[in-house]
Full PDB file with SEQRES, HELIX, SHEET, SSBOND, CRYST1, ORIGX, SCALE, CONECT and MASTER records, all heavy atoms in Angstrom:
SEQRES   1 A   36  THR ALA LEU ILE LYS ALA GLY ALA ARG VAL LEU LEU VAL          
SEQRES   2 A   36  ASP ALA GLY GLU ARG PRO GLY GLY GLN TYR TRP ARG HIS          
SEQRES   3 A   36  SER ALA GLY SER ALA LEU ALA ALA LYS HIS                      
HELIX    1 AA1 ALA A    2  ALA A    6  1                                   5    
HELIX    2 AA2 LEU A   32  LYS A   35  1                                   4    
CRYST1    1.000    1.000    1.000  90.00  90.00  90.00 P 1           1          
ORIGX1      1.000000  0.000000  0.000000        0.00000                         
ORIGX2      0.000000  1.000000  0.000000        0.00000                         
ORIGX3      0.000000  0.000000  1.000000        0.00000                         
SCALE1      1.000000  0.000000  0.000000        0.00000                         
SCALE2      0.000000  1.000000  0.000000        0.00000                         
SCALE3      0.000000  0.000000  1.000000        0.00000                         
ATOM      1  N   THR A   1      -0.556   8.335  -0.588  1.00  0.00           N  
ATOM      2  CA  THR A   1      -0.168   8.920   0.699  1.00  0.00           C  
ATOM      3  C   THR A   1      -0.085  10.440   0.607  1.00  0.00           C  
ATOM      4  O   THR A   1      -0.599  11.167   1.474  1.00  0.00           O  
ATOM      5  CB  THR A   1       1.194   8.348   1.147  1.00  0.00           C  
ATOM      6  OG1 THR A   1       1.093   6.927   1.261  1.00  0.00           O  
ATOM      7  CG2 THR A   1       1.615   8.928   2.482  1.00  0.00           C  
ATOM      8  N   ALA A   2       0.553  10.939  -0.451  1.00  0.00           N  
ATOM      9  CA  ALA A   2       0.679  12.389  -0.626  1.00  0.00           C  
ATOM     10  C   ALA A   2      -0.677  13.044  -0.855  1.00  0.00           C  
ATOM     11  O   ALA A   2      -0.945  14.144  -0.354  1.00  0.00           O  
ATOM     12  CB  ALA A   2       1.614  12.683  -1.795  1.00  0.00           C  
ATOM     13  N   LEU A   3      -1.545  12.381  -1.585  1.00  0.00           N  
ATOM     14  CA  LEU A   3      -2.883  12.933  -1.850  1.00  0.00           C  
ATOM     15  C   LEU A   3      -3.719  13.007  -0.581  1.00  0.00           C  
ATOM     16  O   LEU A   3      -4.433  13.983  -0.348  1.00  0.00           O  
ATOM     17  CB  LEU A   3      -3.590  12.079  -2.904  1.00  0.00           C  
ATOM     18  CG  LEU A   3      -3.097  12.251  -4.337  1.00  0.00           C  
ATOM     19  CD1 LEU A   3      -3.546  11.093  -5.208  1.00  0.00           C  
ATOM     20  CD2 LEU A   3      -3.578  13.582  -4.920  1.00  0.00           C  
ATOM     21  N   ILE A   4      -3.633  11.974   0.236  1.00  0.00           N  
ATOM     22  CA  ILE A   4      -4.377  11.970   1.502  1.00  0.00           C  
ATOM     23  C   ILE A   4      -3.896  13.096   2.409  1.00  0.00           C  
ATOM     24  O   ILE A   4      -4.689  13.805   3.046  1.00  0.00           O  
ATOM     25  CB  ILE A   4      -4.223  10.607   2.213  1.00  0.00           C  
ATOM     26  CG1 ILE A   4      -4.997   9.532   1.453  1.00  0.00           C  
ATOM     27  CG2 ILE A   4      -4.708  10.674   3.650  1.00  0.00           C  
ATOM     28  CD1 ILE A   4      -6.485   9.800   1.303  1.00  0.00           C  
ATOM     29  N   LYS A   5      -2.590  13.297   2.439  1.00  0.00           N  
ATOM     30  CA  LYS A   5      -2.033  14.385   3.257  1.00  0.00           C  
ATOM     31  C   LYS A   5      -2.481  15.746   2.749  1.00  0.00           C  
ATOM     32  O   LYS A   5      -2.580  16.703   3.528  1.00  0.00           O  
ATOM     33  CB  LYS A   5      -0.506  14.302   3.264  1.00  0.00           C  
ATOM     34  CG  LYS A   5       0.028  13.123   4.074  1.00  0.00           C  
ATOM     35  CD  LYS A   5       1.550  13.075   4.052  1.00  0.00           C  
ATOM     36  CE  LYS A   5       2.072  11.934   4.912  1.00  0.00           C  
ATOM     37  NZ  LYS A   5       3.551  11.836   4.892  1.00  0.00           N  
ATOM     38  N   ALA A   6      -2.773  15.826   1.450  1.00  0.00           N  
ATOM     39  CA  ALA A   6      -3.243  17.092   0.873  1.00  0.00           C  
ATOM     40  C   ALA A   6      -4.747  17.288   1.073  1.00  0.00           C  
ATOM     41  O   ALA A   6      -5.278  18.357   0.762  1.00  0.00           O  
ATOM     42  CB  ALA A   6      -2.911  17.125  -0.619  1.00  0.00           C  
ATOM     43  N   GLY A   7      -5.431  16.243   1.563  1.00  0.00           N  
ATOM     44  CA  GLY A   7      -6.862  16.365   1.842  1.00  0.00           C  
ATOM     45  C   GLY A   7      -7.777  15.753   0.800  1.00  0.00           C  
ATOM     46  O   GLY A   7      -8.991  15.981   0.823  1.00  0.00           O  
ATOM     47  N   ALA A   8      -7.229  14.959  -0.095  1.00  0.00           N  
ATOM     48  CA  ALA A   8      -8.053  14.336  -1.140  1.00  0.00           C  
ATOM     49  C   ALA A   8      -8.704  13.050  -0.639  1.00  0.00           C  
ATOM     50  O   ALA A   8      -8.285  12.468   0.358  1.00  0.00           O  
ATOM     51  CB  ALA A   8      -7.192  14.036  -2.365  1.00  0.00           C  
ATOM     52  N   ARG A   9      -9.733  12.629  -1.360  1.00  0.00           N  
ATOM     53  CA  ARG A   9     -10.346  11.310  -1.151  1.00  0.00           C  
ATOM     54  C   ARG A   9      -9.894  10.440  -2.308  1.00  0.00           C  
ATOM     55  O   ARG A   9      -9.994  10.838  -3.473  1.00  0.00           O  
ATOM     56  CB  ARG A   9     -11.875  11.443  -1.119  1.00  0.00           C  
ATOM     57  CG  ARG A   9     -12.612  10.133  -0.874  1.00  0.00           C  
ATOM     58  CD  ARG A   9     -14.072  10.435  -0.522  1.00  0.00           C  
ATOM     59  NE  ARG A   9     -14.719  11.238  -1.560  1.00  0.00           N  
ATOM     60  CZ  ARG A   9     -15.374  10.724  -2.601  1.00  0.00           C  
ATOM     61  NH1 ARG A   9     -15.454   9.420  -2.760  1.00  0.00           N  
ATOM     62  NH2 ARG A   9     -15.957  11.515  -3.480  1.00  0.00           N  
ATOM     63  N   VAL A  10      -9.377   9.258  -2.008  1.00  0.00           N  
ATOM     64  CA  VAL A  10      -8.699   8.446  -3.023  1.00  0.00           C  
ATOM     65  C   VAL A  10      -9.332   7.066  -3.169  1.00  0.00           C  
ATOM     66  O   VAL A  10      -9.609   6.387  -2.175  1.00  0.00           O  
ATOM     67  CB  VAL A  10      -7.203   8.272  -2.669  1.00  0.00           C  
ATOM     68  CG1 VAL A  10      -6.503   7.374  -3.672  1.00  0.00           C  
ATOM     69  CG2 VAL A  10      -6.509   9.641  -2.601  1.00  0.00           C  
ATOM     70  N   LEU A  11      -9.542   6.675  -4.418  1.00  0.00           N  
ATOM     71  CA  LEU A  11      -9.886   5.296  -4.735  1.00  0.00           C  
ATOM     72  C   LEU A  11      -8.610   4.646  -5.255  1.00  0.00           C  
ATOM     73  O   LEU A  11      -8.055   5.059  -6.269  1.00  0.00           O  
ATOM     74  CB  LEU A  11     -10.975   5.220  -5.804  1.00  0.00           C  
ATOM     75  CG  LEU A  11     -11.295   3.811  -6.330  1.00  0.00           C  
ATOM     76  CD1 LEU A  11     -11.868   2.933  -5.224  1.00  0.00           C  
ATOM     77  CD2 LEU A  11     -12.259   3.872  -7.504  1.00  0.00           C  
ATOM     78  N   LEU A  12      -8.105   3.636  -4.540  1.00  0.00           N  
ATOM     79  CA  LEU A  12      -6.869   2.956  -4.889  1.00  0.00           C  
ATOM     80  C   LEU A  12      -7.205   1.567  -5.422  1.00  0.00           C  
ATOM     81  O   LEU A  12      -7.747   0.731  -4.702  1.00  0.00           O  
ATOM     82  CB  LEU A  12      -5.959   2.862  -3.663  1.00  0.00           C  
ATOM     83  CG  LEU A  12      -4.601   2.170  -3.828  1.00  0.00           C  
ATOM     84  CD1 LEU A  12      -3.747   2.880  -4.870  1.00  0.00           C  
ATOM     85  CD2 LEU A  12      -3.873   2.119  -2.486  1.00  0.00           C  
ATOM     86  N   VAL A  13      -6.894   1.343  -6.681  1.00  0.00           N  
ATOM     87  CA  VAL A  13      -7.251   0.104  -7.364  1.00  0.00           C  
ATOM     88  C   VAL A  13      -6.000  -0.719  -7.625  1.00  0.00           C  
ATOM     89  O   VAL A  13      -5.012  -0.202  -8.151  1.00  0.00           O  
ATOM     90  CB  VAL A  13      -7.944   0.414  -8.721  1.00  0.00           C  
ATOM     91  CG1 VAL A  13      -8.288  -0.875  -9.460  1.00  0.00           C  
ATOM     92  CG2 VAL A  13      -9.197   1.255  -8.495  1.00  0.00           C  
ATOM     93  N   ASP A  14      -6.032  -2.015  -7.254  1.00  0.00           N  
ATOM     94  CA  ASP A  14      -4.855  -2.846  -7.457  1.00  0.00           C  
ATOM     95  C   ASP A  14      -5.253  -4.286  -7.751  1.00  0.00           C  
ATOM     96  O   ASP A  14      -6.197  -4.818  -7.171  1.00  0.00           O  
ATOM     97  CB  ASP A  14      -3.963  -2.810  -6.214  1.00  0.00           C  
ATOM     98  CG  ASP A  14      -2.611  -3.465  -6.457  1.00  0.00           C  
ATOM     99  OD1 ASP A  14      -1.903  -3.007  -7.376  1.00  0.00           O  
ATOM    100  OD2 ASP A  14      -2.271  -4.408  -5.735  1.00  0.00           O  
ATOM    101  N   ALA A  15      -4.509  -4.911  -8.650  1.00  0.00           N  
ATOM    102  CA  ALA A  15      -4.793  -6.293  -9.035  1.00  0.00           C  
ATOM    103  C   ALA A  15      -4.297  -7.293  -7.997  1.00  0.00           C  
ATOM    104  O   ALA A  15      -4.750  -8.439  -7.973  1.00  0.00           O  
ATOM    105  CB  ALA A  15      -4.170  -6.604 -10.392  1.00  0.00           C  
ATOM    106  N   GLY A  16      -3.369  -6.890  -7.141  1.00  0.00           N  
ATOM    107  CA  GLY A  16      -2.789  -7.803  -6.161  1.00  0.00           C  
ATOM    108  C   GLY A  16      -3.696  -8.062  -4.976  1.00  0.00           C  
ATOM    109  O   GLY A  16      -4.662  -7.331  -4.726  1.00  0.00           O  
ATOM    110  N   GLU A  17      -3.346  -9.099  -4.231  1.00  0.00           N  
ATOM    111  CA  GLU A  17      -4.116  -9.446  -3.039  1.00  0.00           C  
ATOM    112  C   GLU A  17      -3.815  -8.513  -1.879  1.00  0.00           C  
ATOM    113  O   GLU A  17      -4.634  -8.337  -0.983  1.00  0.00           O  
ATOM    114  CB  GLU A  17      -3.819 -10.889  -2.615  1.00  0.00           C  
ATOM    115  CG  GLU A  17      -4.356 -11.927  -3.588  1.00  0.00           C  
ATOM    116  CD  GLU A  17      -4.236 -13.337  -3.034  1.00  0.00           C  
ATOM    117  OE1 GLU A  17      -3.876 -13.482  -1.851  1.00  0.00           O  
ATOM    118  OE2 GLU A  17      -4.512 -14.284  -3.785  1.00  0.00           O  
ATOM    119  N   ARG A  18      -2.630  -7.946  -1.871  1.00  0.00           N  
ATOM    120  CA  ARG A  18      -2.245  -7.004  -0.821  1.00  0.00           C  
ATOM    121  C   ARG A  18      -1.337  -5.943  -1.440  1.00  0.00           C  
ATOM    122  O   ARG A  18      -0.721  -6.185  -2.482  1.00  0.00           O  
ATOM    123  CB  ARG A  18      -1.556  -7.723   0.347  1.00  0.00           C  
ATOM    124  CG  ARG A  18      -0.386  -8.569  -0.027  1.00  0.00           C  
ATOM    125  CD  ARG A  18       0.113  -9.386   1.179  1.00  0.00           C  
ATOM    126  NE  ARG A  18      -0.864 -10.382   1.566  1.00  0.00           N  
ATOM    127  CZ  ARG A  18      -0.861 -11.633   1.110  1.00  0.00           C  
ATOM    128  NH1 ARG A  18       0.055 -12.021   0.236  1.00  0.00           N  
ATOM    129  NH2 ARG A  18      -1.764 -12.497   1.499  1.00  0.00           N  
ATOM    130  N   PRO A  19      -1.250  -4.761  -0.823  1.00  0.00           N  
ATOM    131  CA  PRO A  19      -0.467  -3.681  -1.425  1.00  0.00           C  
ATOM    132  C   PRO A  19       1.027  -3.980  -1.406  1.00  0.00           C  
ATOM    133  O   PRO A  19       1.512  -4.813  -0.655  1.00  0.00           O  
ATOM    134  CB  PRO A  19      -0.801  -2.484  -0.526  1.00  0.00           C  
ATOM    135  CG  PRO A  19      -1.129  -3.099   0.803  1.00  0.00           C  
ATOM    136  CD  PRO A  19      -1.844  -4.377   0.469  1.00  0.00           C  
ATOM    137  N   GLY A  20       1.763  -3.279  -2.255  1.00  0.00           N  
ATOM    138  CA  GLY A  20       3.211  -3.425  -2.275  1.00  0.00           C  
ATOM    139  C   GLY A  20       3.786  -3.639  -3.653  1.00  0.00           C  
ATOM    140  O   GLY A  20       4.929  -3.289  -3.913  1.00  0.00           O  
ATOM    141  N   GLY A  21       2.995  -4.243  -4.547  1.00  0.00           N  
ATOM    142  CA  GLY A  21       3.485  -4.486  -5.888  1.00  0.00           C  
ATOM    143  C   GLY A  21       4.639  -5.475  -5.901  1.00  0.00           C  
ATOM    144  O   GLY A  21       4.834  -6.253  -4.969  1.00  0.00           O  
ATOM    145  N   GLN A  22       5.410  -5.461  -6.966  1.00  0.00           N  
ATOM    146  CA  GLN A  22       6.530  -6.394  -7.118  1.00  0.00           C  
ATOM    147  C   GLN A  22       7.658  -6.078  -6.136  1.00  0.00           C  
ATOM    148  O   GLN A  22       8.268  -6.970  -5.559  1.00  0.00           O  
ATOM    149  CB  GLN A  22       7.055  -6.324  -8.559  1.00  0.00           C  
ATOM    150  CG  GLN A  22       8.256  -7.204  -8.848  1.00  0.00           C  
ATOM    151  CD  GLN A  22       7.903  -8.668  -9.036  1.00  0.00           C  
ATOM    152  OE1 GLN A  22       6.967  -9.176  -8.442  1.00  0.00           O  
ATOM    153  NE2 GLN A  22       8.658  -9.342  -9.875  1.00  0.00           N  
ATOM    154  N   TYR A  23       7.918  -4.786  -5.898  1.00  0.00           N  
ATOM    155  CA  TYR A  23       9.060  -4.400  -5.074  1.00  0.00           C  
ATOM    156  C   TYR A  23       8.832  -4.697  -3.596  1.00  0.00           C  
ATOM    157  O   TYR A  23       9.727  -5.135  -2.892  1.00  0.00           O  
ATOM    158  CB  TYR A  23       9.371  -2.915  -5.261  1.00  0.00           C  
ATOM    159  CG  TYR A  23      10.026  -2.614  -6.580  1.00  0.00           C  
ATOM    160  CD1 TYR A  23       9.320  -1.991  -7.603  1.00  0.00           C  
ATOM    161  CD2 TYR A  23      11.351  -2.962  -6.818  1.00  0.00           C  
ATOM    162  CE1 TYR A  23       9.920  -1.714  -8.816  1.00  0.00           C  
ATOM    163  CE2 TYR A  23      11.959  -2.692  -8.035  1.00  0.00           C  
ATOM    164  CZ  TYR A  23      11.233  -2.064  -9.026  1.00  0.00           C  
ATOM    165  OH  TYR A  23      11.829  -1.800 -10.229  1.00  0.00           O  
ATOM    166  N   TRP A  24       7.612  -4.421  -3.119  1.00  0.00           N  
ATOM    167  CA  TRP A  24       7.320  -4.646  -1.711  1.00  0.00           C  
ATOM    168  C   TRP A  24       6.408  -5.849  -1.532  1.00  0.00           C  
ATOM    169  O   TRP A  24       5.541  -5.871  -0.674  1.00  0.00           O  
ATOM    170  CB  TRP A  24       6.656  -3.404  -1.104  1.00  0.00           C  
ATOM    171  CG  TRP A  24       7.577  -2.243  -0.964  1.00  0.00           C  
ATOM    172  CD1 TRP A  24       8.932  -2.256  -0.932  1.00  0.00           C  
ATOM    173  CD2 TRP A  24       7.204  -0.866  -0.818  1.00  0.00           C  
ATOM    174  NE1 TRP A  24       9.434  -0.981  -0.792  1.00  0.00           N  
ATOM    175  CE2 TRP A  24       8.393  -0.115  -0.716  1.00  0.00           C  
ATOM    176  CE3 TRP A  24       5.982  -0.200  -0.761  1.00  0.00           C  
ATOM    177  CZ2 TRP A  24       8.394   1.273  -0.567  1.00  0.00           C  
ATOM    178  CZ3 TRP A  24       5.973   1.177  -0.610  1.00  0.00           C  
ATOM    179  CH2 TRP A  24       7.178   1.903  -0.512  1.00  0.00           C  
ATOM    180  N   ARG A  25       6.604  -6.862  -2.355  1.00  0.00           N  
ATOM    181  CA  ARG A  25       5.775  -8.062  -2.253  1.00  0.00           C  
ATOM    182  C   ARG A  25       6.012  -8.708  -0.887  1.00  0.00           C  
ATOM    183  O   ARG A  25       7.147  -8.883  -0.454  1.00  0.00           O  
ATOM    184  CB  ARG A  25       6.134  -9.053  -3.365  1.00  0.00           C  
ATOM    185  CG  ARG A  25       5.179 -10.225  -3.447  1.00  0.00           C  
ATOM    186  CD  ARG A  25       5.613 -11.170  -4.534  1.00  0.00           C  
ATOM    187  NE  ARG A  25       5.499 -10.594  -5.854  1.00  0.00           N  
ATOM    188  CZ  ARG A  25       4.370 -10.544  -6.551  1.00  0.00           C  
ATOM    189  NH1 ARG A  25       3.259 -11.030  -6.032  1.00  0.00           N  
ATOM    190  NH2 ARG A  25       4.349 -10.016  -7.751  1.00  0.00           N  
ATOM    191  N   HIS A  26       4.931  -9.075  -0.204  1.00  0.00           N  
ATOM    192  CA  HIS A  26       5.072  -9.662   1.125  1.00  0.00           C  
ATOM    193  C   HIS A  26       3.901 -10.589   1.416  1.00  0.00           C  
ATOM    194  O   HIS A  26       2.853 -10.510   0.779  1.00  0.00           O  
ATOM    195  CB  HIS A  26       5.150  -8.573   2.203  1.00  0.00           C  
ATOM    196  CG  HIS A  26       3.951  -7.661   2.230  1.00  0.00           C  
ATOM    197  ND1 HIS A  26       3.733  -6.704   1.267  1.00  0.00           N  
ATOM    198  CD2 HIS A  26       2.908  -7.576   3.082  1.00  0.00           C  
ATOM    199  CE1 HIS A  26       2.607  -6.058   1.536  1.00  0.00           C  
ATOM    200  NE2 HIS A  26       2.091  -6.574   2.630  1.00  0.00           N  
ATOM    201  N   SER A  27       4.086 -11.455   2.374  1.00  0.00           N  
ATOM    202  CA  SER A  27       3.025 -12.383   2.760  1.00  0.00           C  
ATOM    203  C   SER A  27       2.132 -11.737   3.811  1.00  0.00           C  
ATOM    204  O   SER A  27       2.480 -10.715   4.410  1.00  0.00           O  
ATOM    205  CB  SER A  27       3.635 -13.669   3.320  1.00  0.00           C  
ATOM    206  OG  SER A  27       4.466 -13.380   4.435  1.00  0.00           O  
ATOM    207  N   ALA A  28       0.966 -12.345   4.050  1.00  0.00           N  
ATOM    208  CA  ALA A  28       0.045 -11.827   5.063  1.00  0.00           C  
ATOM    209  C   ALA A  28       0.737 -11.834   6.428  1.00  0.00           C  
ATOM    210  O   ALA A  28       1.422 -12.785   6.796  1.00  0.00           O  
ATOM    211  CB  ALA A  28      -1.214 -12.685   5.096  1.00  0.00           C  
ATOM    212  N   GLY A  29       0.567 -10.749   7.184  1.00  0.00           N  
ATOM    213  CA  GLY A  29       1.169 -10.670   8.506  1.00  0.00           C  
ATOM    214  C   GLY A  29       2.627 -10.265   8.508  1.00  0.00           C  
ATOM    215  O   GLY A  29       3.274 -10.263   9.551  1.00  0.00           O  
ATOM    216  N   SER A  30       3.177  -9.920   7.336  1.00  0.00           N  
ATOM    217  CA  SER A  30       4.584  -9.531   7.247  1.00  0.00           C  
ATOM    218  C   SER A  30       4.828  -8.226   8.000  1.00  0.00           C  
ATOM    219  O   SER A  30       3.952  -7.364   8.104  1.00  0.00           O  
ATOM    220  CB  SER A  30       4.969  -9.354   5.779  1.00  0.00           C  
ATOM    221  OG  SER A  30       6.220  -8.715   5.662  1.00  0.00           O  
ATOM    222  N   ALA A  31       6.055  -8.094   8.518  1.00  0.00           N  
ATOM    223  CA  ALA A  31       6.420  -6.877   9.249  1.00  0.00           C  
ATOM    224  C   ALA A  31       6.830  -5.746   8.310  1.00  0.00           C  
ATOM    225  O   ALA A  31       7.167  -4.661   8.763  1.00  0.00           O  
ATOM    226  CB  ALA A  31       7.562  -7.187  10.207  1.00  0.00           C  
ATOM    227  N   LEU A  32       6.773  -5.990   6.992  1.00  0.00           N  
ATOM    228  CA  LEU A  32       7.242  -4.989   6.029  1.00  0.00           C  
ATOM    229  C   LEU A  32       6.487  -3.675   6.164  1.00  0.00           C  
ATOM    230  O   LEU A  32       7.055  -2.597   5.997  1.00  0.00           O  
ATOM    231  CB  LEU A  32       7.092  -5.533   4.609  1.00  0.00           C  
ATOM    232  CG  LEU A  32       7.670  -4.666   3.484  1.00  0.00           C  
ATOM    233  CD1 LEU A  32       9.186  -4.582   3.607  1.00  0.00           C  
ATOM    234  CD2 LEU A  32       7.288  -5.223   2.121  1.00  0.00           C  
ATOM    235  N   ALA A  33       5.169  -3.767   6.464  1.00  0.00           N  
ATOM    236  CA  ALA A  33       4.348  -2.550   6.554  1.00  0.00           C  
ATOM    237  C   ALA A  33       4.871  -1.590   7.610  1.00  0.00           C  
ATOM    238  O   ALA A  33       4.716  -0.370   7.486  1.00  0.00           O  
ATOM    239  CB  ALA A  33       2.900  -2.914   6.846  1.00  0.00           C  
ATOM    240  N   ALA A  34       5.497  -2.126   8.648  1.00  0.00           N  
ATOM    241  CA  ALA A  34       6.018  -1.265   9.708  1.00  0.00           C  
ATOM    242  C   ALA A  34       7.166  -0.392   9.213  1.00  0.00           C  
ATOM    243  O   ALA A  34       7.450   0.662   9.779  1.00  0.00           O  
ATOM    244  CB  ALA A  34       6.478  -2.118  10.885  1.00  0.00           C  
ATOM    245  N   LYS A  35       7.822  -0.825   8.131  1.00  0.00           N  
ATOM    246  CA  LYS A  35       8.966  -0.088   7.613  1.00  0.00           C  
ATOM    247  C   LYS A  35       8.573   1.003   6.623  1.00  0.00           C  
ATOM    248  O   LYS A  35       9.353   1.899   6.344  1.00  0.00           O  
ATOM    249  CB  LYS A  35       9.936  -1.059   6.919  1.00  0.00           C  
ATOM    250  CG  LYS A  35      10.503  -2.135   7.819  1.00  0.00           C  
ATOM    251  CD  LYS A  35      11.424  -3.061   7.035  1.00  0.00           C  
ATOM    252  CE  LYS A  35      11.956  -4.186   7.897  1.00  0.00           C  
ATOM    253  NZ  LYS A  35      12.825  -5.105   7.125  1.00  0.00           N  
ATOM    254  N   HIS A  36       7.387   0.892   6.060  1.00  0.00           N  
ATOM    255  CA  HIS A  36       6.988   1.824   5.009  1.00  0.00           C  
ATOM    256  C   HIS A  36       5.623   2.441   5.321  1.00  0.00           C  
ATOM    257  O   HIS A  36       4.615   1.742   5.357  1.00  0.00           O  
ATOM    258  CB  HIS A  36       6.938   1.118   3.656  1.00  0.00           C  
ATOM    259  CG  HIS A  36       8.249   0.557   3.206  1.00  0.00           C  
ATOM    260  ND1 HIS A  36       9.276   1.346   2.716  1.00  0.00           N  
ATOM    261  CD2 HIS A  36       8.723  -0.713   3.194  1.00  0.00           C  
ATOM    262  CE1 HIS A  36      10.312   0.576   2.418  1.00  0.00           C  
ATOM    263  NE2 HIS A  36       9.999  -0.670   2.691  1.00  0.00           N  
TER     264      HIS A  36                                                      
MASTER        0    0    0    2    0    0    0    6  263    1    0    3          
END                                                                             
């Protein structure tokens, strides 16, 4: 997020099916994204 705001182009690589990792783990369609 900070890199994009600075004007960079980012390749974001993740092993999970959806973003969030262990702390923001959520199911498809979760409202969690609206909070972060």
